[in-house]
């Protein structure tokens, strides 16, 4: 059964899709949607985020030194099957180079006999921009 898609859900999905390389808090999403003229309460943002996470379209994560939860949209076509790198400092997330990802996955499988699920894999560290 398909889920009814509200105007608010469309706005949230549009924003998340346009910022798929970022991990955003519910408050950041609410503020951004409000600034864009979309009337969406924080509770509506949380409700939609919970539904999207249950559907497997969002990844939930934390950041070092913060108790806040951050969300990243993984439903974008360009994200499917990609390994992601996530910066613990700025929260930016980006795709690991496909050649490097294939080598890494292949090495893990050969050395450990373990098949990596690319859709669920994020490597955490500090990006080049934050290390400077």
C-alpha atoms as a PDB file:
ATOM      1  CA  UNK A   1       0.000   0.000   0.000  1.00  0.00           C
ATOM      2  CA  UNK A   2       1.522   3.358  -0.985  1.00  0.00           C
ATOM      3  CA  UNK A   3       1.906   6.088   1.576  1.00  0.00           C
ATOM      4  CA  UNK A   4       0.130   9.382   1.044  1.00  0.00           C
ATOM      5  CA  UNK A   5       2.768  12.036   0.391  1.00  0.00           C
ATOM      6  CA  UNK A   6       1.932  15.389   1.951  1.00  0.00           C
ATOM      7  CA  UNK A   7       3.197  18.769   0.773  1.00  0.00           C
ATOM      8  CA  UNK A   8       5.395  18.884   3.877  1.00  0.00           C
ATOM      9  CA  UNK A   9       6.887  15.463   3.185  1.00  0.00           C
ATOM     10  CA  UNK A  10       7.617  16.500  -0.409  1.00  0.00           C
ATOM     11  CA  UNK A  11       9.333  19.661   0.838  1.00  0.00           C
ATOM     12  CA  UNK A  12      11.409  17.677   3.340  1.00  0.00           C
ATOM     13  CA  UNK A  13      12.365  15.051   0.741  1.00  0.00           C
ATOM     14  CA  UNK A  14      13.263  17.805  -1.719  1.00  0.00           C
ATOM     15  CA  UNK A  15      15.511  19.497   0.805  1.00  0.00           C
ATOM     16  CA  UNK A  16      17.134  16.241   1.905  1.00  0.00           C
ATOM     17  CA  UNK A  17      17.725  15.223  -1.714  1.00  0.00           C
ATOM     18  CA  UNK A  18      19.352  18.578  -2.489  1.00  0.00           C
ATOM     19  CA  UNK A  19      21.607  18.185   0.570  1.00  0.00           C
ATOM     20  CA  UNK A  20      22.333  14.446   0.352  1.00  0.00           C
ATOM     21  CA  UNK A  21      26.004  15.045   1.178  1.00  0.00           C
ATOM     22  CA  UNK A  22      25.153  16.543   4.571  1.00  0.00           C
ATOM     23  CA  UNK A  23      24.081  15.152   7.918  1.00  0.00           C
ATOM     24  CA  UNK A  24      21.449  17.468   9.365  1.00  0.00           C
ATOM     25  CA  UNK A  25      19.649  17.684  12.691  1.00  0.00           C
ATOM     26  CA  UNK A  26      15.875  17.899  12.901  1.00  0.00           C
ATOM     27  CA  UNK A  27      16.235  21.509  14.094  1.00  0.00           C
ATOM     28  CA  UNK A  28      18.481  22.402  11.145  1.00  0.00           C
ATOM     29  CA  UNK A  29      15.937  20.868   8.776  1.00  0.00           C
ATOM     30  CA  UNK A  30      13.045  22.689  10.426  1.00  0.00           C
ATOM     31  CA  UNK A  31      14.918  26.015  10.292  1.00  0.00           C
ATOM     32  CA  UNK A  32      15.893  25.530   6.640  1.00  0.00           C
ATOM     33  CA  UNK A  33      12.341  24.636   5.593  1.00  0.00           C
ATOM     34  CA  UNK A  34      10.928  27.608   7.504  1.00  0.00           C
ATOM     35  CA  UNK A  35      13.488  29.929   5.851  1.00  0.00           C
ATOM     36  CA  UNK A  36      12.356  28.549   2.480  1.00  0.00           C
ATOM     37  CA  UNK A  37       8.762  29.488   3.313  1.00  0.00           C
ATOM     38  CA  UNK A  38       7.558  26.001   4.214  1.00  0.00           C
ATOM     39  CA  UNK A  39       5.406  25.898   7.333  1.00  0.00           C
ATOM     40  CA  UNK A  40       6.509  22.735   9.087  1.00  0.00           C
ATOM     41  CA  UNK A  41       6.652  22.289  12.835  1.00  0.00           C
ATOM     42  CA  UNK A  42       9.577  20.595  14.508  1.00  0.00           C
ATOM     43  CA  UNK A  43       7.278  17.753  15.573  1.00  0.00           C
ATOM     44  CA  UNK A  44       6.219  17.233  11.934  1.00  0.00           C
ATOM     45  CA  UNK A  45       9.897  17.119  10.933  1.00  0.00           C
ATOM     46  CA  UNK A  46      10.576  14.468  13.591  1.00  0.00           C
ATOM     47  CA  UNK A  47       7.516  12.453  12.562  1.00  0.00           C
ATOM     48  CA  UNK A  48       8.570  12.464   8.907  1.00  0.00           C
ATOM     49  CA  UNK A  49      12.197  11.656   9.769  1.00  0.00           C
ATOM     50  CA  UNK A  50      11.051   8.653  11.803  1.00  0.00           C
ATOM     51  CA  UNK A  51       8.929   7.403   8.903  1.00  0.00           C
ATOM     52  CA  UNK A  52      11.755   7.916   6.384  1.00  0.00           C
ATOM     53  CA  UNK A  53      14.196   6.110   8.660  1.00  0.00           C
ATOM     54  CA  UNK A  54      11.751   3.196   9.048  1.00  0.00           C
ATOM     55  CA  UNK A  55      11.509   3.056   5.245  1.00  0.00           C
ATOM     56  CA  UNK A  56      15.316   2.830   5.008  1.00  0.00           C
ATOM     57  CA  UNK A  57      15.651   6.181   3.251  1.00  0.00           C
ATOM     58  CA  UNK A  58      17.620   7.904   6.020  1.00  0.00           C
ATOM     59  CA  UNK A  59      20.696   7.088   8.028  1.00  0.00           C
ATOM     60  CA  UNK A  60      20.834   8.284  11.628  1.00  0.00           C
ATOM     61  CA  UNK A  61      24.175   9.172  13.235  1.00  0.00           C
ATOM     62  CA  UNK A  62      25.764  11.161  16.033  1.00  0.00           C
ATOM     63  CA  UNK A  63      28.778  13.417  16.155  1.00  0.00           C
ATOM     64  CA  UNK A  64      31.631  13.371  18.623  1.00  0.00           C
ATOM     65  CA  UNK A  65      30.948  15.705  21.533  1.00  0.00           C
ATOM     66  CA  UNK A  66      27.265  16.102  20.686  1.00  0.00           C
ATOM     67  CA  UNK A  67      24.153  14.396  21.977  1.00  0.00           C
ATOM     68  CA  UNK A  68      22.152  15.557  18.972  1.00  0.00           C
ATOM     69  CA  UNK A  69      21.037  13.107  16.302  1.00  0.00           C
ATOM     70  CA  UNK A  70      21.817  13.852  12.662  1.00  0.00           C
ATOM     71  CA  UNK A  71      20.128  12.438   9.581  1.00  0.00           C
ATOM     72  CA  UNK A  72      21.409  11.830   6.086  1.00  0.00           C
ATOM     73  CA  UNK A  73      19.234  11.045   3.116  1.00  0.00           C
ATOM     74  CA  UNK A  74      20.259   7.793   1.458  1.00  0.00           C
ATOM     75  CA  UNK A  75      17.336   7.508  -0.931  1.00  0.00           C
ATOM     76  CA  UNK A  76      19.074   9.495  -3.676  1.00  0.00           C
ATOM     77  CA  UNK A  77      19.861   7.378  -6.727  1.00  0.00           C
ATOM     78  CA  UNK A  78      23.533   8.399  -6.591  1.00  0.00           C
ATOM     79  CA  UNK A  79      23.888   7.000  -3.056  1.00  0.00           C
ATOM     80  CA  UNK A  80      22.694   3.482  -3.717  1.00  0.00           C
ATOM     81  CA  UNK A  81      25.557   1.023  -3.548  1.00  0.00           C
ATOM     82  CA  UNK A  82      28.128   3.643  -2.545  1.00  0.00           C
ATOM     83  CA  UNK A  83      30.402   3.562   0.444  1.00  0.00           C
ATOM     84  CA  UNK A  84      30.253   6.832   2.355  1.00  0.00           C
ATOM     85  CA  UNK A  85      32.834   8.817   4.282  1.00  0.00           C
ATOM     86  CA  UNK A  86      31.515  11.000   7.092  1.00  0.00           C
ATOM     87  CA  UNK A  87      33.460  13.757   8.846  1.00  0.00           C
ATOM     88  CA  UNK A  88      33.009  13.758  12.614  1.00  0.00           C
ATOM     89  CA  UNK A  89      33.956  17.450  12.759  1.00  0.00           C
ATOM     90  CA  UNK A  90      31.739  19.162  10.174  1.00  0.00           C
ATOM     91  CA  UNK A  91      29.224  16.373   9.499  1.00  0.00           C
ATOM     92  CA  UNK A  92      29.822  16.428   5.753  1.00  0.00           C
ATOM     93  CA  UNK A  93      29.313  13.061   4.077  1.00  0.00           C
ATOM     94  CA  UNK A  94      30.538  12.111   0.641  1.00  0.00           C
ATOM     95  CA  UNK A  95      31.031   9.080  -1.574  1.00  0.00           C
ATOM     96  CA  UNK A  96      34.224   7.090  -1.427  1.00  0.00           C
ATOM     97  CA  UNK A  97      35.873   6.936  -4.849  1.00  0.00           C
ATOM     98  CA  UNK A  98      34.334   3.913  -6.644  1.00  0.00           C
ATOM     99  CA  UNK A  99      37.719   2.366  -7.532  1.00  0.00           C
ATOM    100  CA  UNK A 100      38.904   2.706  -3.929  1.00  0.00           C
ATOM    101  CA  UNK A 101      35.574   1.329  -2.661  1.00  0.00           C
ATOM    102  CA  UNK A 102      35.817  -1.744  -4.902  1.00  0.00           C
ATOM    103  CA  UNK A 103      39.377  -2.427  -3.696  1.00  0.00           C
ATOM    104  CA  UNK A 104      38.374  -2.003  -0.044  1.00  0.00           C
ATOM    105  CA  UNK A 105      35.322  -4.259  -0.337  1.00  0.00           C
ATOM    106  CA  UNK A 106      37.329  -6.840  -2.265  1.00  0.00           C
ATOM    107  CA  UNK A 107      40.140  -6.812   0.322  1.00  0.00           C
ATOM    108  CA  UNK A 108      37.678  -7.268   3.190  1.00  0.00           C
ATOM    109  CA  UNK A 109      35.979 -10.142   1.415  1.00  0.00           C
ATOM    110  CA  UNK A 110      39.260 -11.871   0.555  1.00  0.00           C
ATOM    111  CA  UNK A 111      40.892 -11.363   3.960  1.00  0.00           C
ATOM    112  CA  UNK A 112      37.856 -11.944   6.163  1.00  0.00           C
ATOM    113  CA  UNK A 113      35.394 -13.808   3.972  1.00  0.00           C
ATOM    114  CA  UNK A 114      32.943 -11.038   4.784  1.00  0.00           C
ATOM    115  CA  UNK A 115      30.593  -9.493   2.195  1.00  0.00           C
ATOM    116  CA  UNK A 116      30.179  -5.780   2.914  1.00  0.00           C
ATOM    117  CA  UNK A 117      26.699  -4.270   2.524  1.00  0.00           C
ATOM    118  CA  UNK A 118      27.564  -1.043   0.725  1.00  0.00           C
ATOM    119  CA  UNK A 119      24.165   0.503   1.417  1.00  0.00           C
ATOM    120  CA  UNK A 120      24.811   0.401   5.166  1.00  0.00           C
ATOM    121  CA  UNK A 121      28.508   1.253   5.283  1.00  0.00           C
ATOM    122  CA  UNK A 122      29.903   4.572   6.483  1.00  0.00           C
ATOM    123  CA  UNK A 123      33.528   5.197   7.380  1.00  0.00           C
ATOM    124  CA  UNK A 124      33.947   7.911  10.004  1.00  0.00           C
ATOM    125  CA  UNK A 125      36.946  10.185  10.374  1.00  0.00           C
ATOM    126  CA  UNK A 126      38.001  13.781   9.742  1.00  0.00           C
ATOM    127  CA  UNK A 127      37.878  15.281   6.254  1.00  0.00           C
ATOM    128  CA  UNK A 128      40.777  17.078   4.607  1.00  0.00           C
ATOM    129  CA  UNK A 129      39.103  20.476   5.024  1.00  0.00           C
ATOM    130  CA  UNK A 130      38.716  20.031   8.800  1.00  0.00           C
ATOM    131  CA  UNK A 131      42.267  18.727   9.271  1.00  0.00           C
ATOM    132  CA  UNK A 132      43.726  22.000   7.963  1.00  0.00           C
END
